[in-house]
Amino acid sequence: MRRSFLLLIPLLTALWAPPSLAQSKSQLGPLCTTETTPADQMIAACNKIIALKVFSGAQLGTIYFWRAVGWNKKGDYAHVIADATEALRLQPAQAIYNLRGSAYYDKGEYEIAIADFNDALKGGPPSGTIFHNRGNAYRGTGDYAKAIADYDQAIRLTPKSALSWQNRGISKAATGDLDSALTDINEAIRLDPALASPLVNRSVIWRAKGNVDRAIADASEAVRLAQNPPVNVMTPPGSVVISAHVHRALAYEAKGERDAAKADYAAALKPTASDAGSKANQATAKVRLSLLSEPPAPQAQRAEPAAVSPSSELAAAQTLPRMALVIGNGAYAHVQPLPNPPRDARIVAKSLRDIGFTVVEGIDLDRAAMQARTRDFLREAAQAQAQMAVVFYAGHGVQIDGRNYLVPTDIAPSAGSDVVTAMIDMDQILAGLDDQIRTNILILDACRNNPFAAPMTANAGASRSLSASGLAAPTSLGAGATSGAGTLIAFATAPGKVALDGQGDNSPFSAALSRHIGTPGLEVQQMLTRVRAEVVAATQNKQVPWSNSSLLGEVYLAAK
């Protein structure tokens, strides 16, 4: 969420000097260039002024700028960028760079946004608004040190900016400094009690501290305030109310109040999401509502949350459970079977149990069993407020149209069949796990391909591939409530390459993983570096494990 950029544009407004027009046209200027004009009226008025062809240069640039403001109110960021680009061609100005950078931010294109904010800072005096907005973009890239530095500058220049205090608090929370984060967000609430978003973010901190009741209370007040938000054309339409409902729902889930959580997830799906953050929140809401709309399947290996004393927030935060879902599929009926995935799953499950994880295990699962096991795990991780969730999968995997799928043992690809619905969508797992209080680690000893691209032959070699091509690198780390913040995905092989099943009892990747995953005091990315080196040596450079991370700090699977 950003401050209004309109503090930056007195010059742009001053440049508007309407010509002598008929009375029916004389109101076009105020309609086009007044912040409070409704979006559709603003755009229509600006369209008519442009059509008159009486302006050029800086004055015409001003009209394009204001039409971009109208598009921004509607959440139409492609049109914002197009009009702001034309305005910059006609009249480079700090406010226009700031507006276009904000549109790129809302589209999730953070690096381009940072470039525009840099140009804005070069094009005028120091601005707390622009430092704030660039801080948001740095936060989007996961560079919290730079984000905090920019929020520091924003607060120095505009000390009463509630949103700068809030967003600095969010960044501190992402680095694990919950107490300092709470101090900043409390100041944001003091400065502007009518803002809903600081209450949403304080709700997240209470939940991370184990105080679910206070989390629900803050989120409830945020929902109330979000029904009538203060006017700010830089706040994406509906974004705050969507966020408030999603985070209250997560708190209700943690408390075991399923019906209340379902109602909030459903409410979060009603507004039309325009920005990347709101779309991510709705992706989480959609998956979690689906999970709560069906009864959990009975399981012998039910994960139980750790007992927590309600009198101690610190104790609650320290005893949040660590959970793992481990699946190994090898007994495929209609595609090439793989001998090693079940053994791979068992050794990894044992290694995780040895370092304190509660493990839900599945071997040779068909679609119904795999879906039930996965969905139960997602429900349990949310209700138990798992501090860390690990998902390990060994078996066949495919990539179709840029999305990655895990393959159950009863997959039967054939021309004309809806193969996608017969598999498990990795993005859905990510969205279901996504939560600001949790670290998520997905480890896939599989190769992702389109099974129709090149059908397997009976004498094909043992690889975890259903066709000749390999994995596509994910364009993001999920589309859930935090857009993948605090997530690591590790693949057994690089994008476009094949993961080997191995000649021994385990695949090269799983064998190396089981040897290193339990090493005390070894940070997870250092652990994966050791695994990578061992796999490269064992396969004579034929297989190079690969990972993608947005982890917010050092993560240890085995205690120091």
Protein backbone atom coordinates (compact mmCIF):
# COMPACT_ATOMS: atom_id res chain seq x y z
CA MET A 1 0.00 0.00 0.00
CA ARG A 2 1.30 3.44 -0.89
CA ARG A 3 0.74 7.09 0.01
CA SER A 4 -1.11 9.31 -2.43
CA PHE A 5 1.22 10.51 -5.16
CA LEU A 6 -0.86 13.66 -5.67
CA LEU A 7 1.38 15.55 -3.23
CA LEU A 8 3.89 15.55 -6.09
CA ILE A 9 1.81 17.22 -8.79
CA PRO A 10 1.03 20.88 -8.11
CA LEU A 11 3.15 21.77 -11.16
CA LEU A 12 1.22 19.40 -13.38
CA THR A 13 -2.07 20.92 -12.25
CA ALA A 14 -0.75 24.45 -12.72
CA LEU A 15 0.17 23.67 -16.30
CA TRP A 16 -3.51 23.13 -17.08
CA ALA A 17 -4.86 26.36 -18.62
CA PRO A 18 -8.09 25.65 -20.50
CA PRO A 19 -8.66 27.49 -23.74
CA SER A 20 -11.78 29.51 -24.43
CA LEU A 21 -14.37 26.85 -25.19
CA ALA A 22 -18.12 26.66 -25.39
CA GLN A 23 -19.87 26.38 -22.03
CA SER A 24 -20.57 22.66 -22.57
CA LYS A 25 -16.85 22.06 -22.88
CA SER A 26 -15.69 24.34 -20.10
CA GLN A 27 -16.16 21.70 -17.42
CA LEU A 28 -13.93 19.17 -19.12
CA GLY A 29 -10.77 20.56 -17.54
CA PRO A 30 -11.92 20.32 -13.91
CA LEU A 31 -13.43 16.87 -14.52
CA CYS A 32 -10.19 15.60 -16.04
CA THR A 33 -7.76 17.15 -13.55
CA THR A 34 -9.54 16.88 -10.19
CA GLU A 35 -8.54 14.02 -7.90
CA THR A 36 -12.07 13.46 -6.58
CA THR A 37 -13.64 13.00 -10.02
CA PRO A 38 -14.95 9.41 -10.40
CA ALA A 39 -12.65 7.32 -12.59
CA ASP A 40 -14.96 6.86 -15.57
CA GLN A 41 -15.88 10.56 -15.69
CA MET A 42 -12.22 11.54 -15.37
CA ILE A 43 -11.18 9.26 -18.24
CA ALA A 44 -14.08 10.41 -20.45
CA ALA A 45 -13.29 14.09 -19.86
CA CYS A 46 -9.60 13.57 -20.60
CA ASN A 47 -10.51 11.64 -23.78
CA LYS A 48 -12.59 14.58 -25.02
CA ILE A 49 -9.85 17.09 -24.29
CA ILE A 50 -7.29 14.99 -26.17
CA ALA A 51 -9.74 14.66 -29.08
CA LEU A 52 -10.02 18.47 -29.34
CA LYS A 53 -6.34 18.57 -30.41
CA VAL A 54 -5.85 22.05 -28.91
CA PHE A 55 -2.96 21.10 -26.61
CA SER A 56 0.59 19.99 -27.24
CA GLY A 57 3.81 19.53 -25.31
CA ALA A 58 3.68 19.87 -21.54
CA GLN A 59 -0.03 20.70 -21.43
CA LEU A 60 -0.96 17.60 -23.43
CA GLY A 61 1.39 15.58 -21.21
CA THR A 62 -0.60 16.80 -18.20
CA ILE A 63 -3.84 15.49 -19.73
CA TYR A 64 -2.27 12.07 -20.39
CA PHE A 65 -1.03 12.07 -16.81
CA TRP A 66 -4.50 12.72 -15.41
CA ARG A 67 -6.05 10.11 -17.65
CA ALA A 68 -3.46 7.69 -16.24
CA VAL A 69 -4.68 8.68 -12.77
CA GLY A 70 -8.20 7.71 -13.83
CA TRP A 71 -7.00 4.34 -15.10
CA ASN A 72 -5.12 3.86 -11.83
CA LYS A 73 -8.35 4.35 -9.87
CA LYS A 74 -9.85 1.49 -11.90
CA GLY A 75 -6.81 -0.76 -11.38
CA ASP A 76 -6.12 -0.87 -15.14
CA TYR A 77 -2.34 -0.78 -14.89
CA ALA A 78 -1.62 -1.49 -18.56
CA HIS A 79 -3.43 1.73 -19.50
CA VAL A 80 -1.72 3.59 -16.64
CA ILE A 81 1.67 2.61 -18.00
CA ALA A 82 0.74 3.49 -21.59
CA ASP A 83 -0.58 6.95 -20.69
CA ALA A 84 2.23 7.70 -18.23
CA THR A 85 4.79 6.73 -20.89
CA GLU A 86 3.21 9.15 -23.35
CA ALA A 87 3.12 11.86 -20.67
CA LEU A 88 6.82 11.31 -19.99
CA ARG A 89 7.60 11.64 -23.69
CA LEU A 90 5.83 14.99 -23.76
CA GLN A 91 6.87 16.25 -20.33
CA PRO A 92 9.29 14.29 -18.08
CA ALA A 93 8.29 14.95 -14.47
CA GLN A 94 8.83 13.42 -11.04
CA ALA A 95 5.15 12.72 -10.44
CA ILE A 96 4.76 10.87 -13.74
CA TYR A 97 7.74 8.58 -13.08
CA ASN A 98 6.28 7.91 -9.64
CA LEU A 99 2.86 7.04 -11.07
CA ARG A 100 4.27 4.70 -13.70
CA GLY A 101 6.57 3.05 -11.17
CA SER A 102 3.58 2.50 -8.89
CA ALA A 103 1.69 0.82 -11.74
CA TYR A 104 4.63 -1.50 -12.42
CA TYR A 105 4.73 -2.28 -8.69
CA ASP A 106 1.05 -3.22 -8.69
CA LYS A 107 1.70 -5.53 -11.64
CA GLY A 108 4.45 -7.24 -9.64
CA GLU A 109 7.24 -5.95 -11.94
CA TYR A 110 9.40 -4.70 -9.10
CA GLU A 111 12.72 -4.13 -10.85
CA ILE A 112 11.12 -1.88 -13.49
CA ALA A 113 9.29 -0.05 -10.71
CA ILE A 114 12.58 0.58 -8.90
CA ALA A 115 14.07 2.04 -12.09
CA ASP A 116 11.15 4.47 -12.40
CA PHE A 117 11.38 5.50 -8.74
CA ASN A 118 15.12 6.09 -9.21
CA ASP A 119 14.33 8.41 -12.13
CA ALA A 120 11.68 10.15 -10.04
CA LEU A 121 14.17 10.83 -7.25
CA LYS A 122 16.67 12.21 -9.79
CA GLY A 123 14.00 14.44 -11.35
CA GLY A 124 13.04 16.52 -8.35
CA PRO A 125 13.58 17.30 -4.68
CA PRO A 126 13.81 14.49 -2.07
CA SER A 127 10.34 13.03 -1.61
CA GLY A 128 9.10 10.89 1.25
CA THR A 129 6.40 9.55 -1.08
CA ILE A 130 8.91 8.24 -3.61
CA PHE A 131 11.26 6.79 -0.99
CA HIS A 132 8.21 5.01 0.45
CA ASN A 133 7.18 3.65 -2.94
CA ARG A 134 10.70 2.49 -3.79
CA GLY A 135 10.82 0.81 -0.39
CA ASN A 136 7.70 -1.13 -1.37
CA ALA A 137 9.37 -2.28 -4.57
CA TYR A 138 12.53 -3.36 -2.74
CA ARG A 139 10.29 -5.25 -0.31
CA GLY A 140 8.70 -6.96 -3.31
CA THR A 141 12.12 -8.21 -4.43
CA GLY A 142 12.88 -9.48 -0.91
CA ASP A 143 15.62 -6.90 -0.29
CA TYR A 144 14.44 -5.90 3.17
CA ALA A 145 17.59 -4.00 4.12
CA LYS A 146 17.12 -1.57 1.23
CA ALA A 147 13.38 -1.41 1.91
CA ILE A 148 13.96 -0.45 5.55
CA ALA A 149 16.54 2.15 4.51
CA ASP A 150 14.03 3.76 2.13
CA TYR A 151 11.28 3.73 4.76
CA ASP A 152 13.74 5.39 7.15
CA GLN A 153 14.16 8.19 4.60
CA ALA A 154 10.41 8.43 4.05
CA ILE A 155 9.79 8.74 7.81
CA ARG A 156 12.55 11.34 8.16
CA LEU A 157 10.97 13.46 5.42
CA THR A 158 7.34 12.82 6.38
CA PRO A 159 7.27 11.64 10.01
CA LYS A 160 3.47 11.52 10.13
CA SER A 161 3.17 9.04 7.25
CA ALA A 162 1.31 6.14 8.82
CA LEU A 163 1.89 3.90 5.81
CA SER A 164 5.67 4.37 5.95
CA TRP A 165 5.68 3.36 9.62
CA GLN A 166 3.48 0.39 8.74
CA ASN A 167 5.60 -0.82 5.83
CA ARG A 168 8.83 -0.48 7.78
CA GLY A 169 7.19 -2.66 10.41
CA ILE A 170 6.19 -5.22 7.77
CA SER A 171 9.79 -5.35 6.55
CA LYS A 172 11.13 -5.80 10.08
CA ALA A 173 8.64 -8.62 10.68
CA ALA A 174 9.88 -10.32 7.51
CA THR A 175 13.39 -10.35 8.96
CA GLY A 176 12.08 -11.89 12.20
CA ASP A 177 12.21 -8.76 14.37
CA LEU A 178 8.60 -9.02 15.56
CA ASP A 179 8.89 -6.72 18.57
CA SER A 180 10.37 -3.84 16.59
CA ALA A 181 7.82 -4.47 13.85
CA LEU A 182 5.01 -4.25 16.40
CA THR A 183 6.36 -0.91 17.65
CA ASP A 184 6.33 0.55 14.13
CA ILE A 185 2.85 -0.71 13.30
CA ASN A 186 1.48 0.56 16.62
CA GLU A 187 2.80 4.00 15.64
CA ALA A 188 1.05 3.72 12.27
CA ILE A 189 -2.24 2.96 14.03
CA ARG A 190 -1.73 5.89 16.41
CA LEU A 191 -1.07 8.26 13.51
CA ASP A 192 -4.11 7.17 11.49
CA PRO A 193 -6.68 5.08 13.40
CA ALA A 194 -8.96 5.04 10.33
CA LEU A 195 -6.51 2.98 8.25
CA ALA A 196 -7.36 -0.71 8.01
CA SER A 197 -4.09 -2.03 6.62
CA PRO A 198 -1.93 -1.52 9.76
CA LEU A 199 -4.47 -3.57 11.70
CA VAL A 200 -4.23 -6.35 9.11
CA ASN A 201 -0.46 -6.40 9.51
CA ARG A 202 -0.61 -6.28 13.30
CA SER A 203 -2.98 -9.26 13.08
CA VAL A 204 -0.25 -11.20 11.26
CA ILE A 205 2.26 -10.38 14.00
CA TRP A 206 -0.12 -11.48 16.77
CA ARG A 207 -0.62 -14.77 14.95
CA ALA A 208 3.14 -15.23 14.60
CA LYS A 209 3.42 -14.64 18.35
CA GLY A 210 0.76 -17.29 18.99
CA ASN A 211 -1.99 -14.88 20.12
CA VAL A 212 -4.82 -15.89 17.81
CA ASP A 213 -7.57 -14.02 19.70
CA ARG A 214 -5.78 -10.68 19.34
CA ALA A 215 -5.12 -11.51 15.68
CA ILE A 216 -8.85 -12.03 15.10
CA ALA A 217 -9.75 -8.83 16.97
CA ASP A 218 -7.38 -6.71 14.87
CA ALA A 219 -8.47 -8.32 11.60
CA SER A 220 -12.14 -7.81 12.52
CA GLU A 221 -11.57 -4.09 13.07
CA ALA A 222 -9.70 -3.98 9.75
CA VAL A 223 -12.66 -5.60 7.98
CA ARG A 224 -14.96 -2.95 9.47
CA LEU A 225 -12.73 -0.05 8.48
CA ALA A 226 -12.09 -1.45 5.01
CA GLN A 227 -15.78 -1.19 4.11
CA ASN A 228 -15.35 2.61 3.87
CA PRO A 229 -11.66 3.22 3.18
CA PRO A 230 -10.19 6.74 2.97
CA VAL A 231 -9.81 8.03 -0.58
CA ASN A 232 -6.37 7.19 -1.97
CA VAL A 233 -6.05 6.70 -5.70
CA MET A 234 -2.81 4.79 -5.15
CA THR A 235 -4.49 2.02 -3.16
CA PRO A 236 -5.60 -0.76 -5.54
CA PRO A 237 -9.39 -1.14 -5.53
CA GLY A 238 -10.57 -3.70 -2.99
CA SER A 239 -7.06 -4.68 -1.93
CA VAL A 240 -7.40 -3.88 1.77
CA VAL A 241 -10.73 -5.63 2.31
CA ILE A 242 -9.45 -8.73 0.47
CA SER A 243 -6.34 -8.82 2.66
CA ALA A 244 -8.33 -8.27 5.87
CA HIS A 245 -10.69 -11.16 5.14
CA VAL A 246 -7.86 -13.55 4.18
CA HIS A 247 -5.80 -12.88 7.30
CA ARG A 248 -8.80 -13.10 9.62
CA ALA A 249 -9.67 -16.40 7.95
CA LEU A 250 -6.16 -17.73 8.60
CA ALA A 251 -6.54 -16.77 12.26
CA TYR A 252 -9.94 -18.46 12.46
CA GLU A 253 -8.43 -21.60 10.92
CA ALA A 254 -5.68 -21.59 13.52
CA LYS A 255 -8.37 -21.43 16.20
CA GLY A 256 -10.32 -24.29 14.61
CA GLU A 257 -13.33 -22.14 13.67
CA ARG A 258 -13.82 -23.58 10.18
CA ASP A 259 -17.19 -21.98 9.38
CA ALA A 260 -15.95 -18.49 10.25
CA ALA A 261 -12.82 -19.08 8.16
CA LYS A 262 -14.91 -20.27 5.20
CA ALA A 263 -17.10 -17.17 5.38
CA ASP A 264 -14.04 -14.91 5.30
CA TYR A 265 -12.40 -16.75 2.41
CA ALA A 266 -15.65 -16.50 0.46
CA ALA A 267 -15.85 -12.78 1.22
CA ALA A 268 -12.27 -12.30 0.02
CA LEU A 269 -13.18 -13.80 -3.36
CA LYS A 270 -16.07 -11.38 -4.04
CA PRO A 271 -14.16 -8.19 -5.02
CA THR A 272 -12.39 -8.04 -8.36
CA ALA A 273 -8.63 -8.17 -7.76
CA SER A 274 -6.57 -5.81 -9.91
CA ASP A 275 -3.10 -5.81 -8.34
CA ALA A 276 -0.61 -8.64 -7.87
CA GLY A 277 -1.02 -8.70 -4.08
CA SER A 278 -4.81 -9.02 -4.21
CA LYS A 279 -4.63 -11.74 -6.85
CA ALA A 280 -2.19 -13.63 -4.63
CA ASN A 281 -4.51 -13.26 -1.63
CA GLN A 282 -7.43 -14.56 -3.66
CA ALA A 283 -5.38 -17.54 -4.85
CA THR A 284 -4.81 -18.48 -1.21
CA ALA A 285 -8.48 -17.87 -0.35
CA LYS A 286 -9.64 -20.09 -3.22
CA VAL A 287 -7.46 -23.03 -2.21
CA ARG A 288 -8.18 -22.75 1.50
CA LEU A 289 -11.95 -22.40 0.96
CA SER A 290 -11.86 -25.56 -1.14
CA LEU A 291 -9.93 -27.36 1.61
CA LEU A 292 -12.41 -26.32 4.30
CA SER A 293 -15.46 -27.17 2.18
CA GLU A 294 -14.84 -30.90 2.46
CA PRO A 295 -14.38 -33.06 5.56
CA PRO A 296 -10.82 -34.21 6.26
CA ALA A 297 -10.18 -37.78 5.14
CA PRO A 298 -9.43 -40.18 8.03
CA GLN A 299 -5.72 -40.81 8.40
CA ALA A 300 -3.70 -42.93 10.71
CA GLN A 301 -0.81 -40.50 10.46
CA ARG A 302 -2.71 -37.41 11.61
CA ALA A 303 -0.37 -34.56 12.54
CA GLU A 304 -1.09 -33.22 16.01
CA PRO A 305 -0.28 -29.60 16.90
CA ALA A 306 2.08 -29.09 19.81
CA ALA A 307 0.50 -28.21 23.14
CA VAL A 308 0.96 -24.50 23.85
CA SER A 309 0.41 -22.58 27.05
CA PRO A 310 -1.88 -19.62 26.21
CA SER A 311 -0.20 -17.54 28.89
CA SER A 312 3.05 -17.16 27.00
CA GLU A 313 3.27 -15.63 23.53
CA LEU A 314 6.98 -16.38 23.40
CA ALA A 315 6.39 -20.02 24.27
CA ALA A 316 3.72 -20.21 21.58
CA ALA A 317 6.04 -18.81 18.94
CA GLN A 318 8.83 -21.19 19.95
CA THR A 319 6.66 -24.34 20.01
CA LEU A 320 4.86 -23.96 16.68
CA PRO A 321 5.24 -27.36 15.00
CA ARG A 322 7.34 -28.25 11.98
CA MET A 323 5.49 -30.50 9.57
CA ALA A 324 6.38 -32.45 6.44
CA LEU A 325 4.50 -34.23 3.67
CA VAL A 326 6.57 -36.94 1.98
CA ILE A 327 5.30 -38.82 -1.10
CA GLY A 328 7.09 -41.39 -3.25
CA ASN A 329 5.36 -42.70 -6.38
CA GLY A 330 6.96 -45.46 -8.42
CA ALA A 331 4.36 -48.16 -9.19
CA TYR A 332 2.90 -46.45 -12.28
CA ALA A 333 0.36 -48.54 -14.15
CA HIS A 334 0.31 -46.81 -17.54
CA VAL A 335 3.64 -44.97 -17.81
CA GLN A 336 7.15 -46.15 -17.06
CA PRO A 337 7.39 -47.41 -13.45
CA LEU A 338 10.23 -46.19 -11.26
CA PRO A 339 11.82 -48.51 -8.70
CA ASN A 340 13.38 -45.94 -6.37
CA PRO A 341 10.81 -43.23 -5.37
CA PRO A 342 9.18 -45.27 -2.57
CA ARG A 343 12.62 -45.96 -1.05
CA ASP A 344 13.57 -42.31 -1.57
CA ALA A 345 10.47 -41.16 0.31
CA ARG A 346 11.12 -43.52 3.21
CA ILE A 347 14.72 -42.41 3.78
CA VAL A 348 13.82 -38.74 3.56
CA ALA A 349 10.84 -39.23 5.89
CA LYS A 350 13.10 -40.92 8.42
CA SER A 351 15.67 -38.14 8.16
CA LEU A 352 12.98 -35.51 8.79
CA ARG A 353 11.53 -37.40 11.77
CA ASP A 354 15.01 -37.67 13.23
CA ILE A 355 15.31 -33.86 13.32
CA GLY A 356 11.90 -33.29 14.90
CA PHE A 357 9.42 -32.98 12.02
CA THR A 358 5.92 -34.41 12.20
CA VAL A 359 5.80 -36.38 8.94
CA VAL A 360 2.79 -37.43 6.89
CA GLU A 361 3.96 -40.14 4.47
CA GLY A 362 2.43 -41.58 1.30
CA ILE A 363 3.76 -44.35 -0.94
CA ASP A 364 2.50 -45.20 -4.44
CA LEU A 365 -0.61 -43.03 -4.25
CA ASP A 366 -3.27 -42.88 -6.95
CA ARG A 367 -4.94 -39.56 -7.70
CA ALA A 368 -7.68 -39.86 -5.06
CA ALA A 369 -5.25 -40.87 -2.30
CA MET A 370 -2.64 -38.30 -3.32
CA GLN A 371 -5.17 -35.50 -3.40
CA ALA A 372 -6.66 -36.51 -0.04
CA ARG A 373 -3.23 -36.80 1.62
CA THR A 374 -2.12 -33.44 0.24
CA ARG A 375 -5.30 -31.59 1.15
CA ASP A 376 -5.35 -33.01 4.68
CA PHE A 377 -1.75 -31.90 5.13
CA LEU A 378 -2.59 -28.37 3.98
CA ARG A 379 -5.48 -28.21 6.44
CA GLU A 380 -3.39 -29.48 9.32
CA ALA A 381 -0.49 -27.11 8.62
CA ALA A 382 -2.88 -24.14 8.79
CA GLN A 383 -4.73 -25.24 11.91
CA ALA A 384 -1.53 -26.15 13.75
CA GLN A 385 0.09 -22.84 12.64
CA ALA A 386 3.10 -24.83 11.48
CA GLN A 387 6.27 -22.77 11.75
CA MET A 388 7.80 -24.67 8.84
CA ALA A 389 6.29 -26.93 6.19
CA VAL A 390 8.39 -29.25 4.03
CA VAL A 391 6.95 -31.08 1.04
CA PHE A 392 9.11 -33.81 -0.53
CA TYR A 393 7.99 -35.61 -3.67
CA ALA A 394 9.78 -38.34 -5.61
CA GLY A 395 8.32 -39.74 -8.81
CA HIS A 396 7.21 -38.59 -12.22
CA GLY A 397 6.44 -34.93 -12.75
CA VAL A 398 5.39 -32.91 -15.76
CA GLN A 399 5.39 -29.31 -16.93
CA ILE A 400 2.47 -28.23 -19.09
CA ASP A 401 1.99 -24.65 -20.29
CA GLY A 402 4.46 -23.36 -17.71
CA ARG A 403 2.81 -25.04 -14.70
CA ASN A 404 4.32 -27.95 -12.80
CA TYR A 405 2.33 -31.05 -11.85
CA LEU A 406 3.02 -34.09 -9.66
CA VAL A 407 1.92 -37.37 -11.19
CA PRO A 408 -0.15 -40.01 -9.32
CA THR A 409 0.36 -43.68 -10.06
CA ASP A 410 -2.90 -44.15 -11.98
CA ILE A 411 -2.17 -41.49 -14.61
CA ALA A 412 -3.22 -42.74 -18.06
CA PRO A 413 -2.32 -40.11 -20.67
CA SER A 414 -4.10 -40.48 -23.96
CA ALA A 415 -4.93 -38.21 -26.85
CA GLY A 416 -7.92 -36.02 -26.01
CA SER A 417 -7.91 -36.77 -22.28
CA ASP A 418 -7.88 -34.03 -19.66
CA VAL A 419 -4.53 -35.03 -18.22
CA VAL A 420 -4.16 -31.86 -16.14
CA THR A 421 -7.11 -32.69 -13.88
CA ALA A 422 -5.63 -36.15 -13.29
CA MET A 423 -2.53 -34.67 -11.63
CA ILE A 424 -1.65 -32.50 -8.60
CA ASP A 425 -0.90 -28.85 -9.37
CA MET A 426 2.23 -27.65 -7.55
CA ASP A 427 1.01 -24.05 -7.58
CA GLN A 428 -2.09 -25.11 -5.66
CA ILE A 429 0.10 -26.65 -2.96
CA LEU A 430 2.12 -23.44 -2.74
CA ALA A 431 -0.99 -21.26 -2.51
CA GLY A 432 -2.44 -23.53 0.17
CA LEU A 433 0.70 -23.32 2.29
CA ASP A 434 1.43 -19.64 1.73
CA ASP A 435 1.35 -17.68 4.98
CA GLN A 436 3.53 -14.88 6.34
CA ILE A 437 4.21 -16.77 9.56
CA ARG A 438 5.47 -19.94 7.85
CA THR A 439 8.62 -21.01 6.00
CA ASN A 440 7.78 -23.37 3.14
CA ILE A 441 10.29 -25.72 1.51
CA LEU A 442 9.33 -27.87 -1.49
CA ILE A 443 11.82 -30.52 -2.63
CA LEU A 444 11.01 -32.28 -5.89
CA ASP A 445 13.00 -35.29 -7.07
CA ALA A 446 11.12 -35.34 -10.34
CA CYS A 447 11.25 -34.08 -13.90
CA ARG A 448 8.42 -31.95 -15.27
CA ASN A 449 7.35 -32.48 -18.89
CA ASN A 450 4.32 -32.63 -21.14
CA PRO A 451 3.47 -36.35 -21.42
CA PHE A 452 2.11 -35.82 -24.94
CA ALA A 453 5.31 -34.22 -26.20
CA ALA A 454 7.21 -37.49 -26.71
CA PRO A 455 5.58 -40.72 -25.44
CA MET A 456 7.80 -43.14 -23.59
CA THR A 457 8.86 -46.39 -25.28
CA ALA A 458 8.97 -49.72 -23.50
CA ASN A 459 12.78 -49.82 -23.42
CA ALA A 460 13.35 -46.22 -22.34
CA GLY A 461 15.97 -45.64 -19.66
CA ALA A 462 14.95 -45.11 -16.05
CA SER A 463 14.53 -41.40 -15.60
CA ARG A 464 11.84 -39.40 -13.86
CA SER A 465 10.71 -37.89 -17.13
CA LEU A 466 7.67 -38.62 -19.27
CA SER A 467 9.19 -36.94 -22.34
CA ALA A 468 12.49 -35.67 -23.65
CA SER A 469 12.30 -32.12 -22.27
CA GLY A 470 12.71 -31.13 -18.64
CA LEU A 471 11.42 -28.69 -16.06
CA ALA A 472 10.53 -25.11 -16.66
CA ALA A 473 11.82 -22.70 -14.03
CA PRO A 474 8.89 -21.26 -12.06
CA THR A 475 8.15 -17.63 -12.89
CA SER A 476 7.40 -17.02 -9.21
CA LEU A 477 7.46 -18.94 -5.96
CA GLY A 478 3.71 -19.34 -5.83
CA ALA A 479 0.60 -17.24 -6.09
CA GLY A 480 -0.53 -17.25 -2.50
CA ALA A 481 -1.14 -14.60 0.15
CA THR A 482 2.50 -13.56 0.35
CA SER A 483 3.38 -14.26 -3.26
CA GLY A 484 5.81 -16.90 -2.12
CA ALA A 485 7.67 -14.88 0.51
CA GLY A 486 9.58 -17.27 2.77
CA THR A 487 9.56 -20.10 0.23
CA LEU A 488 12.27 -22.31 -1.22
CA ILE A 489 11.78 -24.79 -4.06
CA ALA A 490 14.54 -27.31 -4.70
CA PHE A 491 14.59 -29.45 -7.83
CA ALA A 492 16.65 -32.56 -8.36
CA THR A 493 17.83 -31.20 -11.69
CA ALA A 494 18.14 -27.94 -13.60
CA PRO A 495 15.33 -26.58 -15.79
CA GLY A 496 15.09 -28.48 -19.06
CA LYS A 497 17.09 -31.46 -17.79
CA VAL A 498 16.23 -35.00 -16.68
CA ALA A 499 16.37 -36.27 -13.09
CA LEU A 500 17.89 -39.76 -12.95
CA ASP A 501 16.24 -42.56 -10.97
CA GLY A 502 19.64 -44.06 -10.16
CA GLN A 503 21.23 -47.50 -10.35
CA GLY A 504 21.22 -48.20 -6.61
CA ASP A 505 18.47 -48.23 -3.98
CA ASN A 506 17.93 -44.46 -4.22
CA SER A 507 18.15 -41.70 -6.78
CA PRO A 508 21.40 -39.69 -6.72
CA PHE A 509 19.53 -36.63 -5.42
CA SER A 510 17.55 -38.36 -2.65
CA ALA A 511 20.60 -40.30 -1.51
CA ALA A 512 22.62 -37.09 -1.14
CA LEU A 513 19.70 -35.24 0.45
CA SER A 514 19.22 -37.91 3.12
CA ARG A 515 22.91 -37.70 4.01
CA HIS A 516 22.94 -33.92 4.50
CA ILE A 517 19.46 -32.86 5.54
CA GLY A 518 20.03 -33.80 9.18
CA THR A 519 23.41 -32.09 9.59
CA PRO A 520 23.17 -29.96 12.77
CA GLY A 521 23.67 -26.24 12.31
CA LEU A 522 23.78 -26.38 8.50
CA GLU A 523 21.70 -23.62 6.89
CA VAL A 524 19.26 -25.04 4.33
CA GLN A 525 20.80 -23.39 1.28
CA GLN A 526 24.27 -24.47 2.35
CA MET A 527 22.86 -27.95 2.79
CA LEU A 528 21.50 -27.90 -0.78
CA THR A 529 24.89 -26.72 -2.05
CA ARG A 530 26.47 -29.84 -0.54
CA VAL A 531 23.73 -31.98 -2.10
CA ARG A 532 24.34 -30.33 -5.49
CA ALA A 533 28.06 -30.99 -5.37
CA GLU A 534 27.55 -34.64 -4.47
CA VAL A 535 24.95 -35.21 -7.22
CA VAL A 536 27.12 -33.55 -9.87
CA ALA A 537 30.05 -35.77 -8.89
CA ALA A 538 27.93 -38.95 -8.75
CA THR A 539 26.35 -38.35 -12.16
CA GLN A 540 29.51 -37.06 -13.86
CA ASN A 541 27.89 -33.68 -14.49
CA LYS A 542 24.78 -35.18 -16.09
CA GLN A 543 22.48 -33.87 -13.34
CA VAL A 544 22.80 -30.51 -11.59
CA PRO A 545 20.28 -29.84 -8.81
CA TRP A 546 18.73 -26.39 -8.86
CA SER A 547 16.79 -24.22 -6.43
CA ASN A 548 14.78 -20.99 -6.31
CA SER A 549 14.43 -19.11 -3.04
CA SER A 550 12.68 -16.15 -1.48
CA LEU A 551 13.62 -17.12 2.08
CA LEU A 552 13.67 -14.13 4.40
CA GLY A 553 16.67 -15.19 6.47
CA GLU A 554 18.74 -18.18 7.50
CA VAL A 555 16.72 -21.38 7.87
CA TYR A 556 17.95 -24.46 9.74
CA LEU A 557 16.22 -27.81 9.37
CA ALA A 558 18.42 -29.38 12.05
CA ALA A 559 19.11 -27.32 15.16
CA LYS A 560 22.48 -25.65 15.56
